[in-house]
Amino acid sequence: MGNIKLWEEILVEVKSEISEKAFKTWFQKSSLDTTENSLIINVANEFAADWVRKNYLLILQSAAEKILNKKIKIIITAKKEEEAINTIV
């Protein structure tokens, strides 16, 4: 499964668990990278990364494990500055 499709499926699960406003605020401009043993969720900035870690990590973990049918490590990080600038434009 490709990163985009996997991320879309995870986001469907997350969206069913949180409010529309929260979803748009924290996940609308997010993206996913993967490694063999982890999912790296990229959000807009470090503030957003901290908020998502504190408030949505368990929801993300549950959604990912449900879709992948295995335990996986979730890493939440801020997009690189140049990526964030390109996202805004």
C-alpha atoms as a PDB file:
ATOM      1  CA  MET A   1       0.000   0.000   0.000  1.00  0.00           C
ATOM      2  CA  GLY A   2       1.393   3.397  -0.971  1.00  0.00           C
ATOM      3  CA  ASN A   3       1.937   6.219   1.500  1.00  0.00           C
ATOM      4  CA  ILE A   4      -0.862   8.390   0.113  1.00  0.00           C
ATOM      5  CA  LYS A   5      -3.475   5.618   0.194  1.00  0.00           C
ATOM      6  CA  LEU A   6      -2.358   4.476   3.645  1.00  0.00           C
ATOM      7  CA  TRP A   7      -2.512   8.033   4.994  1.00  0.00           C
ATOM      8  CA  GLU A   8      -5.960   8.561   3.476  1.00  0.00           C
ATOM      9  CA  GLU A   9      -7.227   5.401   5.190  1.00  0.00           C
ATOM     10  CA  ILE A  10      -5.729   6.422   8.536  1.00  0.00           C
ATOM     11  CA  LEU A  11      -7.260   9.888   8.205  1.00  0.00           C
ATOM     12  CA  VAL A  12     -10.716   8.398   7.582  1.00  0.00           C
ATOM     13  CA  GLU A  13     -10.396   6.575  10.915  1.00  0.00           C
ATOM     14  CA  VAL A  14      -9.091   9.675  12.712  1.00  0.00           C
ATOM     15  CA  LYS A  15     -11.845  11.859  11.236  1.00  0.00           C
ATOM     16  CA  SER A  16     -14.475   9.525  12.678  1.00  0.00           C
ATOM     17  CA  GLU A  17     -13.010  10.036  16.171  1.00  0.00           C
ATOM     18  CA  ILE A  18     -12.563  13.819  16.349  1.00  0.00           C
ATOM     19  CA  SER A  19     -14.499  16.967  15.454  1.00  0.00           C
ATOM     20  CA  GLU A  20     -14.421  18.368  11.930  1.00  0.00           C
ATOM     21  CA  LYS A  21     -12.810  21.568  13.215  1.00  0.00           C
ATOM     22  CA  ALA A  22     -10.043  19.680  15.036  1.00  0.00           C
ATOM     23  CA  PHE A  23      -9.459  17.491  12.003  1.00  0.00           C
ATOM     24  CA  LYS A  24      -9.065  20.493   9.697  1.00  0.00           C
ATOM     25  CA  THR A  25      -6.856  22.329  12.192  1.00  0.00           C
ATOM     26  CA  TRP A  26      -4.384  19.526  12.884  1.00  0.00           C
ATOM     27  CA  PHE A  27      -4.518  17.155   9.917  1.00  0.00           C
ATOM     28  CA  GLN A  28      -5.621  19.037   6.795  1.00  0.00           C
ATOM     29  CA  LYS A  29      -2.070  19.751   5.605  1.00  0.00           C
ATOM     30  CA  SER A  30      -0.404  16.693   7.060  1.00  0.00           C
ATOM     31  CA  SER A  31       1.453  13.988   5.182  1.00  0.00           C
ATOM     32  CA  LEU A  32       2.919  10.571   5.805  1.00  0.00           C
ATOM     33  CA  ASP A  33       6.308   9.000   5.261  1.00  0.00           C
ATOM     34  CA  THR A  34       7.082   5.411   6.149  1.00  0.00           C
ATOM     35  CA  THR A  35      10.000   3.283   7.154  1.00  0.00           C
ATOM     36  CA  GLU A  36       9.970  -0.457   7.619  1.00  0.00           C
ATOM     37  CA  ASN A  37       8.928  -0.194  11.271  1.00  0.00           C
ATOM     38  CA  SER A  38       7.367   3.243  11.656  1.00  0.00           C
ATOM     39  CA  LEU A  39       5.006   5.839  10.281  1.00  0.00           C
ATOM     40  CA  ILE A  40       6.273   9.408  10.221  1.00  0.00           C
ATOM     41  CA  ILE A  41       3.450  11.923  10.313  1.00  0.00           C
ATOM     42  CA  ASN A  42       4.448  15.374   9.116  1.00  0.00           C
ATOM     43  CA  VAL A  43       2.398  18.328  10.348  1.00  0.00           C
ATOM     44  CA  ALA A  44       2.648  22.061   9.686  1.00  0.00           C
ATOM     45  CA  ASN A  45       5.041  23.155  12.448  1.00  0.00           C
ATOM     46  CA  GLU A  46       6.528  22.201  15.802  1.00  0.00           C
ATOM     47  CA  PHE A  47       3.577  23.585  17.761  1.00  0.00           C
ATOM     48  CA  ALA A  48       1.200  21.374  15.750  1.00  0.00           C
ATOM     49  CA  ALA A  49       3.532  18.382  16.155  1.00  0.00           C
ATOM     50  CA  ASP A  50       3.542  18.827  19.934  1.00  0.00           C
ATOM     51  CA  TRP A  51      -0.260  19.202  20.051  1.00  0.00           C
ATOM     52  CA  VAL A  52      -0.861  16.144  17.881  1.00  0.00           C
ATOM     53  CA  ARG A  53       1.575  14.087  19.990  1.00  0.00           C
ATOM     54  CA  LYS A  54      -0.191  15.079  23.215  1.00  0.00           C
ATOM     55  CA  ASN A  55      -3.775  14.815  21.980  1.00  0.00           C
ATOM     56  CA  TYR A  56      -4.016  12.430  19.044  1.00  0.00           C
ATOM     57  CA  LEU A  57      -1.166   9.937  19.250  1.00  0.00           C
ATOM     58  CA  LEU A  58      -3.349   7.138  20.642  1.00  0.00           C
ATOM     59  CA  ILE A  59      -6.021   7.699  17.979  1.00  0.00           C
ATOM     60  CA  LEU A  60      -3.365   7.649  15.251  1.00  0.00           C
ATOM     61  CA  GLN A  61      -1.773   4.528  16.732  1.00  0.00           C
ATOM     62  CA  SER A  62      -5.103   2.727  16.892  1.00  0.00           C
ATOM     63  CA  ALA A  63      -6.065   3.693  13.329  1.00  0.00           C
ATOM     64  CA  ALA A  64      -2.695   2.640  11.901  1.00  0.00           C
ATOM     65  CA  GLU A  65      -2.687  -0.689  13.713  1.00  0.00           C
ATOM     66  CA  LYS A  66      -6.259  -1.388  12.591  1.00  0.00           C
ATOM     67  CA  ILE A  67      -5.401  -0.742   8.942  1.00  0.00           C
ATOM     68  CA  LEU A  68      -1.985  -2.428   8.921  1.00  0.00           C
ATOM     69  CA  ASN A  69      -3.068  -5.242  11.231  1.00  0.00           C
ATOM     70  CA  LYS A  70       0.189  -4.960  13.200  1.00  0.00           C
ATOM     71  CA  LYS A  71       1.909  -2.857  15.848  1.00  0.00           C
ATOM     72  CA  ILE A  72       3.825   0.072  14.412  1.00  0.00           C
ATOM     73  CA  LYS A  73       5.719   3.029  15.813  1.00  0.00           C
ATOM     74  CA  ILE A  74       4.242   6.489  15.168  1.00  0.00           C
ATOM     75  CA  ILE A  75       6.579   9.471  14.880  1.00  0.00           C
ATOM     76  CA  ILE A  76       5.060  12.945  14.665  1.00  0.00           C
ATOM     77  CA  THR A  77       7.285  15.657  13.301  1.00  0.00           C
ATOM     78  CA  ALA A  78       7.122  19.180  11.881  1.00  0.00           C
ATOM     79  CA  LYS A  79       7.549  19.597   8.138  1.00  0.00           C
ATOM     80  CA  LYS A  80      10.835  21.038   7.061  1.00  0.00           C
ATOM     81  CA  GLU A  81      10.644  24.805   6.764  1.00  0.00           C
ATOM     82  CA  GLU A  82      10.838  24.771   2.958  1.00  0.00           C
ATOM     83  CA  GLU A  83       8.033  22.176   2.738  1.00  0.00           C
ATOM     84  CA  ALA A  84       5.851  24.263   5.055  1.00  0.00           C
ATOM     85  CA  ILE A  85       6.401  27.350   2.877  1.00  0.00           C
ATOM     86  CA  ASN A  86       5.464  25.402  -0.262  1.00  0.00           C
ATOM     87  CA  THR A  87       2.326  24.085   1.446  1.00  0.00           C
ATOM     88  CA  ILE A  88       1.145  27.611   2.259  1.00  0.00           C
ATOM     89  CA  VAL A  89       1.548  28.917  -1.305  1.00  0.00           C
END
